[in-house]
Amino acid sequence: MKRKIIITGTTCTGKTTLGRKLAKKLSITQIDLDDLHFLPNWVEKDNAVFVQDVNNEVNKYSEWIVTGSYQSLLKDTIWQEATTIIWLDYSLNLIIRRYFIRTYRRVFLKEKCCGENFETLTTIFSKESLFLWIFKTYWNRKRRMVDWKENLFSYKNWIILESPKQEKTLKELL
């Protein structure tokens, strides 16, 4: 069976990092949704264009790992095709710690993110900051994933990780 894997979770769970590791171990292409969603200068693509771009990208490969959220936008496309959903259901405390580490790397070490963009002190203290986004979306995404696992996508192979330590067992589960 062809492996079509979605790695999802809230902001700062490490979806992209885990996707890169798994893609390398499994020799599968990894597609990062944030890279497809954001244009330079943090301009967001129109939703319809973004969904089409995601579909065009995954259609290039017989197997893939897609990392990111955008669950509601993609539930009628790649979520239908996915064979396995890896949900990074990490604690809010861990996510906040990861946020500060990641933000430090991105702002002070000038690490690129989301395509060709960079975070700045201005963006981390704006009303659009990831820190605020975490609190705005964490519980809603958690409820959505529970619902989708039990109802909408109950027929999918779900792997729920509640700790980064559990990532070590993934290759055997896929």
Protein backbone atom coordinates (compact mmCIF):
# COMPACT_ATOMS: atom_id res chain seq x y z
CA MET A 1 0.00 0.00 0.00
CA LYS A 2 1.23 3.47 -0.85
CA ARG A 3 2.11 5.61 2.15
CA LYS A 4 0.32 8.95 2.21
CA ILE A 5 0.94 10.43 5.62
CA ILE A 6 -0.30 13.64 7.21
CA ILE A 7 1.55 14.92 10.27
CA THR A 8 -0.67 17.38 12.08
CA GLY A 9 -0.93 19.14 15.41
CA THR A 10 -1.07 22.62 16.74
CA THR A 11 1.57 25.29 16.20
CA CYS A 12 5.07 24.47 17.51
CA THR A 13 4.62 20.73 17.90
CA GLY A 14 7.45 19.95 15.48
CA LYS A 15 5.41 18.71 12.51
CA THR A 16 7.93 19.84 9.90
CA THR A 17 10.95 18.57 11.82
CA LEU A 18 9.38 15.17 12.35
CA GLY A 19 8.27 15.09 8.71
CA ARG A 20 11.82 15.70 7.51
CA LYS A 21 13.18 12.90 9.71
CA LEU A 22 10.51 10.44 8.62
CA ALA A 23 10.83 11.37 4.95
CA LYS A 24 14.55 10.65 5.11
CA LYS A 25 14.08 7.32 6.95
CA LEU A 26 11.29 6.15 4.65
CA SER A 27 12.63 7.68 1.41
CA ILE A 28 9.37 9.57 0.81
CA THR A 29 8.90 13.18 -0.29
CA GLN A 30 7.97 15.62 2.47
CA ILE A 31 5.70 18.56 1.63
CA ASP A 32 5.45 21.40 4.14
CA LEU A 33 2.14 23.25 4.03
CA ASP A 34 3.52 26.49 5.48
CA ASP A 35 6.00 26.68 2.60
CA LEU A 36 3.11 26.43 0.14
CA HIS A 37 0.82 28.79 2.05
CA PHE A 38 3.07 31.79 2.57
CA LEU A 39 4.45 34.04 -0.15
CA PRO A 40 7.35 36.44 0.59
CA ASN A 41 6.69 39.12 3.22
CA TRP A 42 4.20 36.83 4.99
CA VAL A 43 1.54 37.28 2.32
CA GLU A 44 -0.95 34.40 2.56
CA LYS A 45 -2.24 32.78 -0.59
CA ASP A 46 -5.93 32.83 -1.31
CA ASN A 47 -7.46 29.65 0.15
CA ALA A 48 -8.56 28.25 -3.22
CA VAL A 49 -5.10 28.85 -4.72
CA PHE A 50 -3.44 27.27 -1.69
CA VAL A 51 -5.63 24.15 -1.85
CA GLN A 52 -4.95 23.82 -5.58
CA ASP A 53 -1.20 24.23 -5.01
CA VAL A 54 -1.27 21.52 -2.33
CA ASN A 55 -3.19 19.17 -4.62
CA ASN A 56 -0.80 19.85 -7.50
CA GLU A 57 2.19 19.13 -5.28
CA VAL A 58 0.92 15.86 -3.77
CA ASN A 59 -0.21 14.64 -7.20
CA LYS A 60 3.44 14.66 -8.31
CA TYR A 61 4.20 11.73 -5.99
CA SER A 62 2.81 8.26 -5.38
CA GLU A 63 3.83 8.48 -1.71
CA TRP A 64 4.16 11.55 0.45
CA ILE A 65 4.36 13.03 3.92
CA VAL A 66 2.47 16.30 4.32
CA THR A 67 3.30 18.37 7.38
CA GLY A 68 1.15 21.15 8.73
CA SER A 69 -2.30 22.01 9.88
CA TYR A 70 -4.80 23.77 7.59
CA GLN A 71 -7.11 20.90 8.50
CA SER A 72 -10.43 22.53 7.61
CA LEU A 73 -9.12 23.74 4.25
CA LEU A 74 -7.76 20.31 3.25
CA LYS A 75 -10.27 17.87 4.77
CA ASP A 76 -11.95 17.32 1.41
CA THR A 77 -8.71 16.77 -0.51
CA ILE A 78 -5.51 15.34 0.98
CA TRP A 79 -7.23 14.16 4.15
CA GLN A 80 -9.38 11.95 1.93
CA GLU A 81 -6.28 10.49 0.26
CA ALA A 82 -4.16 10.04 3.38
CA THR A 83 -3.56 6.50 4.60
CA THR A 84 -2.10 7.51 7.96
CA ILE A 85 -2.61 10.49 10.24
CA ILE A 86 0.11 11.24 12.77
CA TRP A 87 -1.32 13.61 15.36
CA LEU A 88 1.22 15.35 17.58
CA ASP A 89 -1.00 15.82 20.62
CA TYR A 90 1.57 17.43 22.88
CA SER A 91 0.95 19.33 26.11
CA LEU A 92 0.55 23.07 26.09
CA ASN A 93 3.62 23.39 28.36
CA LEU A 94 5.82 21.58 25.83
CA ILE A 95 4.43 23.65 22.97
CA ILE A 96 5.15 26.92 24.80
CA ARG A 97 8.73 25.81 25.52
CA ARG A 98 9.19 24.89 21.87
CA TYR A 99 7.72 28.23 20.82
CA PHE A 100 10.39 30.16 22.73
CA ILE A 101 13.24 27.99 21.43
CA ARG A 102 12.00 28.19 17.86
CA THR A 103 11.36 31.93 18.06
CA TYR A 104 14.88 32.53 19.37
CA ARG A 105 16.37 30.56 16.45
CA ARG A 106 14.22 32.32 13.90
CA VAL A 107 14.60 35.87 15.19
CA PHE A 108 18.17 35.95 16.49
CA LEU A 109 19.82 33.27 14.37
CA LYS A 110 17.88 34.34 11.24
CA GLU A 111 16.50 30.87 10.49
CA LYS A 112 14.09 30.93 7.52
CA CYS A 113 10.57 29.69 7.93
CA CYS A 114 7.39 29.37 5.93
CA GLY A 115 9.01 29.62 2.53
CA GLU A 116 11.38 32.53 2.32
CA ASN A 117 10.17 34.43 5.37
CA PHE A 118 11.89 35.44 8.59
CA GLU A 119 10.40 36.20 11.96
CA THR A 120 11.29 39.53 13.54
CA LEU A 121 10.80 41.13 16.91
CA THR A 122 7.96 43.06 15.32
CA THR A 123 6.13 39.90 14.23
CA ILE A 124 6.52 38.14 17.57
CA PHE A 125 4.96 41.07 19.42
CA SER A 126 2.17 41.75 16.92
CA LYS A 127 -1.48 40.78 17.19
CA GLU A 128 -0.62 38.06 14.61
CA SER A 129 2.06 36.47 16.80
CA LEU A 130 2.42 32.71 16.97
CA PHE A 131 2.27 32.93 20.75
CA LEU A 132 -1.27 34.31 20.60
CA TRP A 133 -2.14 31.89 17.78
CA ILE A 134 -1.22 28.94 20.00
CA PHE A 135 -3.73 30.01 22.64
CA LYS A 136 -6.35 30.86 20.04
CA THR A 137 -6.19 27.46 18.30
CA TYR A 138 -4.85 24.84 20.74
CA TRP A 139 -8.12 23.62 22.29
CA ASN A 140 -10.20 23.92 19.12
CA ARG A 141 -7.71 21.84 17.13
CA LYS A 142 -7.58 19.26 19.91
CA ARG A 143 -11.39 18.93 19.88
CA ARG A 144 -11.42 18.75 16.07
CA MET A 145 -8.84 15.96 15.99
CA VAL A 146 -10.72 13.93 18.58
CA ASP A 147 -13.91 14.33 16.54
CA TRP A 148 -12.22 13.50 13.25
CA LYS A 149 -10.52 10.44 14.74
CA GLU A 150 -13.78 9.14 16.21
CA ASN A 151 -16.10 10.16 13.36
CA LEU A 152 -15.09 11.79 10.08
CA PHE A 153 -11.81 9.89 9.57
CA SER A 154 -12.28 6.95 11.90
CA TYR A 155 -11.34 4.57 9.07
CA LYS A 156 -7.83 6.04 8.77
CA ASN A 157 -4.74 4.66 10.50
CA TRP A 158 -4.21 7.11 13.37
CA ILE A 159 -0.98 7.37 15.31
CA ILE A 160 -1.28 9.73 18.25
CA LEU A 161 1.93 10.89 19.90
CA GLU A 162 1.62 12.55 23.28
CA SER A 163 5.37 12.97 23.75
CA PRO A 164 8.33 13.51 21.42
CA LYS A 165 9.90 10.38 22.95
CA GLN A 166 7.23 8.32 21.16
CA GLU A 167 8.57 9.47 17.76
CA LYS A 168 11.27 6.77 17.99
CA THR A 169 8.67 4.06 17.41
CA LEU A 170 7.14 5.60 14.29
CA LYS A 171 9.11 3.75 11.63
CA GLU A 172 7.87 0.43 13.00
CA LEU A 173 4.26 1.67 12.99
CA LEU A 174 4.25 2.76 9.35
